[in-house]
């Protein structure tokens, strides 16, 4: 069974994503917005895919705030986590944001919130897990 790490600072979004992924996708789900925990889980090889919120209000790395774009860049440049599929998730779905965010971050895919089609959401995740 695949494990999805949800990197999300909103507890309601965390609950909604978890419920969809467990019930519809049969995934194991872990969730955090703690940067040290994210690196620990991903480097240990426990995670098959990350859902990464673009706007993280509370995530700090080396004393500085980091968002999902920066975290994704860091994960994609680390040889231990570079091949880990990452889907950016954001409520900031303006024209051109998808291309900009994917280009800046190196993420594998992009979804806008709110998630309306739950099955399409699960399918997108399943398609990216090797």
N, C-alpha and C. Protein backbone atom coordinates (compact mmCIF):
# COMPACT_ATOMS: atom_id res chain seq x y z
N UNK A 1 0.84 -1.18 0.00
CA UNK A 1 0.00 0.00 0.00
C UNK A 1 0.89 1.25 0.00
N UNK A 2 0.63 2.17 -0.89
CA UNK A 2 1.44 3.38 -1.03
C UNK A 2 1.15 4.37 0.10
N UNK A 3 2.20 5.12 0.46
CA UNK A 3 2.07 6.14 1.51
C UNK A 3 2.22 7.52 0.90
N UNK A 4 1.23 8.37 1.17
CA UNK A 4 1.22 9.75 0.69
C UNK A 4 1.50 10.66 1.89
N UNK A 5 2.45 11.57 1.71
CA UNK A 5 2.73 12.59 2.72
C UNK A 5 2.01 13.87 2.30
N UNK A 6 1.13 14.35 3.17
CA UNK A 6 0.44 15.61 2.91
C UNK A 6 1.17 16.70 3.69
N UNK A 7 1.73 17.66 2.97
CA UNK A 7 2.38 18.81 3.58
C UNK A 7 1.39 19.97 3.46
N UNK A 8 0.73 20.25 4.58
CA UNK A 8 -0.42 21.17 4.58
C UNK A 8 -0.52 21.82 5.95
N UNK A 9 -0.74 23.14 5.99
CA UNK A 9 -0.85 23.84 7.27
C UNK A 9 -2.29 24.08 7.71
N UNK A 10 -3.25 23.77 6.86
CA UNK A 10 -4.65 23.96 7.21
C UNK A 10 -5.24 22.62 7.68
N UNK A 11 -5.67 22.54 8.96
CA UNK A 11 -6.17 21.26 9.48
C UNK A 11 -7.42 20.74 8.76
N UNK A 12 -8.23 21.63 8.23
CA UNK A 12 -9.44 21.18 7.50
C UNK A 12 -9.03 20.53 6.18
N UNK A 13 -8.14 21.18 5.44
CA UNK A 13 -7.65 20.58 4.19
C UNK A 13 -6.96 19.25 4.47
N UNK A 14 -6.19 19.19 5.55
CA UNK A 14 -5.49 17.95 5.92
C UNK A 14 -6.51 16.83 6.13
N UNK A 15 -7.59 17.11 6.86
CA UNK A 15 -8.63 16.09 7.11
C UNK A 15 -9.33 15.67 5.83
N UNK A 16 -9.67 16.64 4.99
CA UNK A 16 -10.37 16.33 3.73
C UNK A 16 -9.50 15.47 2.83
N UNK A 17 -8.23 15.88 2.63
CA UNK A 17 -7.33 15.11 1.77
C UNK A 17 -7.12 13.70 2.33
N UNK A 18 -6.93 13.61 3.64
CA UNK A 18 -6.71 12.31 4.27
C UNK A 18 -7.90 11.39 4.04
N UNK A 19 -9.09 11.91 4.28
CA UNK A 19 -10.31 11.12 4.12
C UNK A 19 -10.45 10.60 2.69
N UNK A 20 -10.24 11.47 1.71
CA UNK A 20 -10.36 11.07 0.30
C UNK A 20 -9.31 10.00 -0.04
N UNK A 21 -8.08 10.23 0.38
CA UNK A 21 -6.99 9.32 0.02
C UNK A 21 -7.14 7.95 0.67
N UNK A 22 -7.60 7.92 1.90
CA UNK A 22 -7.78 6.64 2.60
C UNK A 22 -9.00 5.90 2.06
N UNK A 23 -10.15 6.60 1.97
CA UNK A 23 -11.40 5.94 1.57
C UNK A 23 -11.45 5.60 0.09
N UNK A 24 -11.05 6.54 -0.76
CA UNK A 24 -11.16 6.30 -2.21
C UNK A 24 -9.94 5.63 -2.80
N UNK A 25 -8.77 5.94 -2.24
CA UNK A 25 -7.53 5.43 -2.84
C UNK A 25 -6.90 4.28 -2.11
N UNK A 26 -7.31 4.05 -0.85
CA UNK A 26 -6.71 2.99 -0.07
C UNK A 26 -5.27 3.27 0.34
N UNK A 27 -4.89 4.55 0.35
CA UNK A 27 -3.53 4.93 0.69
C UNK A 27 -3.33 4.98 2.20
N UNK A 28 -2.08 4.83 2.61
CA UNK A 28 -1.66 5.19 3.95
C UNK A 28 -1.29 6.66 3.86
N UNK A 29 -1.66 7.45 4.87
CA UNK A 29 -1.43 8.90 4.80
C UNK A 29 -0.70 9.36 6.05
N UNK A 30 0.30 10.20 5.83
CA UNK A 30 0.97 10.92 6.91
C UNK A 30 0.84 12.40 6.58
N UNK A 31 0.79 13.23 7.60
CA UNK A 31 0.65 14.66 7.35
C UNK A 31 1.45 15.50 8.32
N UNK A 32 2.07 16.55 7.79
CA UNK A 32 2.84 17.47 8.62
C UNK A 32 3.15 18.74 7.82
N UNK A 33 3.47 19.81 8.54
CA UNK A 33 4.05 20.98 7.89
C UNK A 33 5.38 21.33 8.56
N UNK A 34 5.90 20.38 9.37
CA UNK A 34 7.18 20.53 10.05
C UNK A 34 8.31 20.10 9.10
N UNK A 35 9.18 21.03 8.75
CA UNK A 35 10.20 20.79 7.74
C UNK A 35 11.14 19.65 8.13
N UNK A 36 11.58 19.62 9.39
CA UNK A 36 12.48 18.55 9.83
C UNK A 36 11.81 17.18 9.68
N UNK A 37 10.54 17.10 10.02
CA UNK A 37 9.80 15.85 9.88
C UNK A 37 9.64 15.45 8.41
N UNK A 38 9.40 16.42 7.55
CA UNK A 38 9.28 16.16 6.11
C UNK A 38 10.58 15.53 5.59
N UNK A 39 11.72 16.14 5.94
CA UNK A 39 13.01 15.61 5.47
C UNK A 39 13.28 14.22 6.05
N UNK A 40 12.96 14.02 7.32
CA UNK A 40 13.18 12.72 7.96
C UNK A 40 12.36 11.63 7.25
N UNK A 41 11.07 11.87 7.07
CA UNK A 41 10.20 10.88 6.45
C UNK A 41 10.61 10.57 5.01
N UNK A 42 10.95 11.60 4.25
CA UNK A 42 11.28 11.38 2.84
C UNK A 42 12.64 10.71 2.68
N UNK A 43 13.61 11.09 3.50
CA UNK A 43 14.94 10.50 3.37
C UNK A 43 14.97 9.05 3.84
N UNK A 44 14.06 8.68 4.73
CA UNK A 44 13.99 7.29 5.19
C UNK A 44 13.30 6.38 4.18
N UNK A 45 12.75 6.95 3.11
CA UNK A 45 12.13 6.15 2.07
C UNK A 45 10.74 5.64 2.41
N UNK A 46 10.08 6.24 3.41
CA UNK A 46 8.75 5.80 3.82
C UNK A 46 7.63 6.36 2.94
N UNK A 47 7.95 7.35 2.11
CA UNK A 47 6.93 8.09 1.39
C UNK A 47 7.00 7.76 -0.10
N UNK A 48 5.83 7.56 -0.72
CA UNK A 48 5.75 7.26 -2.15
C UNK A 48 5.40 8.48 -2.99
N UNK A 49 4.75 9.48 -2.36
CA UNK A 49 4.34 10.69 -3.08
C UNK A 49 4.06 11.77 -2.05
N UNK A 50 4.30 13.03 -2.44
CA UNK A 50 4.00 14.17 -1.56
C UNK A 50 2.96 15.06 -2.21
N UNK A 51 1.95 15.42 -1.42
CA UNK A 51 1.02 16.50 -1.79
C UNK A 51 1.53 17.73 -1.06
N UNK A 52 2.01 18.72 -1.79
CA UNK A 52 2.70 19.87 -1.20
C UNK A 52 1.88 21.14 -1.36
N UNK A 53 1.41 21.68 -0.23
CA UNK A 53 0.73 22.98 -0.27
C UNK A 53 1.76 24.04 -0.67
N UNK A 54 1.38 24.92 -1.57
CA UNK A 54 2.29 25.97 -2.03
C UNK A 54 2.51 27.02 -0.93
N UNK A 55 1.44 27.41 -0.24
CA UNK A 55 1.53 28.46 0.78
C UNK A 55 1.53 27.84 2.16
N UNK A 56 2.69 27.75 2.76
CA UNK A 56 2.80 27.20 4.11
C UNK A 56 3.10 28.35 5.07
N UNK A 57 2.13 28.64 5.94
CA UNK A 57 2.26 29.80 6.82
C UNK A 57 3.21 29.55 7.99
N UNK A 58 3.37 28.30 8.42
CA UNK A 58 4.09 28.03 9.66
C UNK A 58 5.38 27.25 9.49
N UNK A 59 5.81 26.98 8.28
CA UNK A 59 6.98 26.13 8.07
C UNK A 59 8.26 26.96 8.09
N UNK A 60 9.19 26.51 8.94
CA UNK A 60 10.45 27.22 9.15
C UNK A 60 11.61 26.25 8.88
N UNK A 61 12.63 26.73 8.15
CA UNK A 61 13.83 25.95 7.92
C UNK A 61 15.03 26.84 8.18
N UNK A 62 15.91 26.40 9.08
CA UNK A 62 17.09 27.16 9.46
C UNK A 62 16.73 28.60 9.85
N UNK A 63 15.64 28.73 10.61
CA UNK A 63 15.22 30.02 11.13
C UNK A 63 14.47 30.92 10.17
N UNK A 64 14.25 30.44 8.94
CA UNK A 64 13.55 31.27 7.94
C UNK A 64 12.29 30.58 7.46
N UNK A 65 11.23 31.37 7.17
CA UNK A 65 10.01 30.75 6.62
C UNK A 65 10.28 30.15 5.24
N UNK A 66 9.67 29.00 4.98
CA UNK A 66 9.76 28.39 3.65
C UNK A 66 8.35 28.03 3.18
N UNK A 67 8.15 28.14 1.88
CA UNK A 67 6.86 27.75 1.30
C UNK A 67 7.03 26.43 0.56
N UNK A 68 5.94 25.95 -0.03
CA UNK A 68 5.97 24.67 -0.74
C UNK A 68 6.86 24.66 -1.96
N UNK A 69 7.02 25.81 -2.60
CA UNK A 69 7.90 25.91 -3.78
C UNK A 69 9.34 25.65 -3.33
N UNK A 70 9.77 26.34 -2.28
CA UNK A 70 11.14 26.20 -1.77
C UNK A 70 11.39 24.77 -1.25
N UNK A 71 10.44 24.24 -0.51
CA UNK A 71 10.58 22.86 0.00
C UNK A 71 10.72 21.87 -1.15
N UNK A 72 9.90 22.05 -2.19
CA UNK A 72 9.97 21.15 -3.35
C UNK A 72 11.34 21.26 -4.02
N UNK A 73 11.84 22.49 -4.18
CA UNK A 73 13.18 22.67 -4.76
C UNK A 73 14.23 21.92 -3.94
N UNK A 74 14.14 22.03 -2.62
CA UNK A 74 15.10 21.36 -1.74
C UNK A 74 15.01 19.84 -1.87
N UNK A 75 13.80 19.31 -1.93
CA UNK A 75 13.62 17.87 -2.07
C UNK A 75 14.11 17.37 -3.43
N UNK A 76 13.85 18.15 -4.48
CA UNK A 76 14.23 17.74 -5.83
C UNK A 76 15.73 17.85 -6.08
N UNK A 77 16.46 18.62 -5.27
CA UNK A 77 17.91 18.72 -5.44
C UNK A 77 18.68 17.77 -4.51
N UNK A 78 17.97 17.10 -3.61
CA UNK A 78 18.58 16.12 -2.71
C UNK A 78 18.57 14.76 -3.43
N UNK A 79 19.74 14.14 -3.64
CA UNK A 79 19.79 12.85 -4.34
C UNK A 79 18.91 11.76 -3.71
N UNK A 80 18.70 11.82 -2.39
CA UNK A 80 17.88 10.81 -1.71
C UNK A 80 16.39 10.96 -2.01
N UNK A 81 15.96 12.18 -2.37
CA UNK A 81 14.53 12.44 -2.55
C UNK A 81 14.17 13.00 -3.93
N UNK A 82 15.15 13.12 -4.80
CA UNK A 82 14.95 13.78 -6.10
C UNK A 82 13.89 13.10 -6.97
N UNK A 83 13.78 11.78 -6.87
CA UNK A 83 12.83 11.05 -7.73
C UNK A 83 11.44 10.91 -7.12
N UNK A 84 11.26 11.40 -5.89
CA UNK A 84 9.98 11.32 -5.21
C UNK A 84 8.96 12.22 -5.90
N UNK A 85 7.82 11.66 -6.37
CA UNK A 85 6.82 12.50 -7.04
C UNK A 85 6.20 13.51 -6.07
N UNK A 86 6.11 14.76 -6.53
CA UNK A 86 5.52 15.82 -5.73
C UNK A 86 4.44 16.52 -6.55
N UNK A 87 3.25 16.62 -5.94
CA UNK A 87 2.14 17.35 -6.55
C UNK A 87 1.92 18.62 -5.74
N UNK A 88 2.07 19.77 -6.38
CA UNK A 88 1.77 21.04 -5.73
C UNK A 88 0.26 21.20 -5.63
N UNK A 89 -0.20 21.69 -4.48
CA UNK A 89 -1.63 21.93 -4.27
C UNK A 89 -1.78 23.37 -3.79
N UNK A 90 -2.66 24.12 -4.44
CA UNK A 90 -2.81 25.52 -4.06
C UNK A 90 -4.21 26.04 -4.32
N UNK A 91 -4.58 27.01 -3.51
CA UNK A 91 -5.84 27.72 -3.73
C UNK A 91 -5.59 28.94 -4.63
N UNK A 92 -4.32 29.25 -4.87
CA UNK A 92 -3.95 30.40 -5.70
C UNK A 92 -3.90 29.99 -7.16
N UNK A 93 -5.05 29.69 -7.71
CA UNK A 93 -5.12 29.14 -9.07
C UNK A 93 -5.44 30.24 -10.08
N UNK A 94 -4.50 31.13 -10.26
CA UNK A 94 -4.65 32.20 -11.24
C UNK A 94 -4.09 31.72 -12.58
N UNK A 95 -4.50 32.35 -13.65
CA UNK A 95 -4.01 32.05 -14.98
C UNK A 95 -2.48 32.14 -14.99
N UNK A 96 -1.81 31.09 -15.44
CA UNK A 96 -0.36 31.09 -15.53
C UNK A 96 0.36 30.58 -14.29
N UNK A 97 -0.34 30.46 -13.16
CA UNK A 97 0.31 30.00 -11.93
C UNK A 97 0.83 28.58 -12.06
N UNK A 98 0.03 27.71 -12.70
CA UNK A 98 0.43 26.30 -12.81
C UNK A 98 1.81 26.19 -13.44
N UNK A 99 1.99 26.80 -14.59
CA UNK A 99 3.25 26.72 -15.31
C UNK A 99 4.38 27.35 -14.50
N UNK A 100 4.10 28.51 -13.91
CA UNK A 100 5.11 29.21 -13.10
C UNK A 100 5.54 28.37 -11.91
N UNK A 101 4.58 27.85 -11.15
CA UNK A 101 4.89 27.06 -9.96
C UNK A 101 5.63 25.77 -10.32
N UNK A 102 5.20 25.09 -11.38
CA UNK A 102 5.88 23.86 -11.79
C UNK A 102 7.31 24.16 -12.24
N UNK A 103 7.48 25.24 -12.98
CA UNK A 103 8.80 25.62 -13.48
C UNK A 103 9.74 26.00 -12.32
N UNK A 104 9.23 26.80 -11.37
CA UNK A 104 10.04 27.25 -10.24
C UNK A 104 10.45 26.09 -9.32
N UNK A 105 9.52 25.17 -9.09
CA UNK A 105 9.71 24.17 -8.05
C UNK A 105 10.35 22.87 -8.53
N UNK A 106 10.09 22.50 -9.77
CA UNK A 106 10.52 21.19 -10.25
C UNK A 106 9.54 20.08 -9.89
N UNK A 107 8.36 20.45 -9.40
CA UNK A 107 7.34 19.47 -9.01
C UNK A 107 6.86 18.69 -10.24
N UNK A 108 6.22 17.55 -9.97
CA UNK A 108 5.77 16.67 -11.05
C UNK A 108 4.38 16.99 -11.56
N UNK A 109 3.56 17.62 -10.71
CA UNK A 109 2.19 17.93 -11.11
C UNK A 109 1.64 19.03 -10.22
N UNK A 110 0.39 19.42 -10.52
CA UNK A 110 -0.23 20.57 -9.87
C UNK A 110 -1.73 20.34 -9.78
N UNK A 111 -2.30 20.69 -8.64
CA UNK A 111 -3.76 20.65 -8.45
C UNK A 111 -4.20 21.93 -7.79
N UNK A 112 -5.40 22.40 -8.15
CA UNK A 112 -5.92 23.58 -7.47
C UNK A 112 -6.99 23.16 -6.46
N UNK A 113 -7.02 23.89 -5.34
CA UNK A 113 -8.03 23.67 -4.30
C UNK A 113 -9.18 24.60 -4.57
N UNK A 114 -10.37 24.22 -4.20
CA UNK A 114 -10.73 22.96 -3.56
C UNK A 114 -10.76 21.81 -4.56
N UNK A 115 -10.56 20.60 -4.03
CA UNK A 115 -10.63 19.40 -4.86
C UNK A 115 -12.10 19.07 -5.05
N UNK A 116 -12.56 19.13 -6.29
CA UNK A 116 -13.97 18.91 -6.58
C UNK A 116 -14.24 17.46 -6.99
N UNK A 117 -13.43 16.95 -7.90
CA UNK A 117 -13.61 15.59 -8.39
C UNK A 117 -12.66 14.67 -7.61
N UNK A 118 -13.19 13.99 -6.61
CA UNK A 118 -12.37 13.15 -5.73
C UNK A 118 -11.71 12.00 -6.46
N UNK A 119 -12.43 11.38 -7.40
CA UNK A 119 -11.86 10.26 -8.13
C UNK A 119 -10.72 10.71 -9.04
N UNK A 120 -10.88 11.84 -9.68
CA UNK A 120 -9.82 12.39 -10.53
C UNK A 120 -8.57 12.70 -9.69
N UNK A 121 -8.78 13.22 -8.48
CA UNK A 121 -7.71 13.50 -7.52
C UNK A 121 -6.94 12.21 -7.20
N UNK A 122 -7.65 11.15 -6.86
CA UNK A 122 -7.03 9.86 -6.54
C UNK A 122 -6.32 9.29 -7.77
N UNK A 123 -6.96 9.38 -8.93
CA UNK A 123 -6.36 8.87 -10.17
C UNK A 123 -5.03 9.56 -10.48
N UNK A 124 -4.99 10.89 -10.28
CA UNK A 124 -3.78 11.65 -10.56
C UNK A 124 -2.64 11.18 -9.66
N UNK A 125 -2.95 10.92 -8.40
CA UNK A 125 -1.95 10.45 -7.46
C UNK A 125 -1.47 9.04 -7.84
N UNK A 126 -2.42 8.15 -8.14
CA UNK A 126 -2.07 6.78 -8.51
C UNK A 126 -1.19 6.75 -9.76
N UNK A 127 -1.44 7.64 -10.69
CA UNK A 127 -0.68 7.68 -11.94
C UNK A 127 0.78 8.07 -11.71
N UNK A 128 1.07 8.79 -10.65
CA UNK A 128 2.43 9.25 -10.40
C UNK A 128 3.25 8.33 -9.49
N UNK A 129 2.57 7.39 -8.84
CA UNK A 129 3.29 6.47 -7.94
C UNK A 129 3.83 5.29 -8.76
N UNK A 130 5.17 5.10 -8.71
CA UNK A 130 5.77 4.03 -9.51
C UNK A 130 5.29 2.63 -9.08
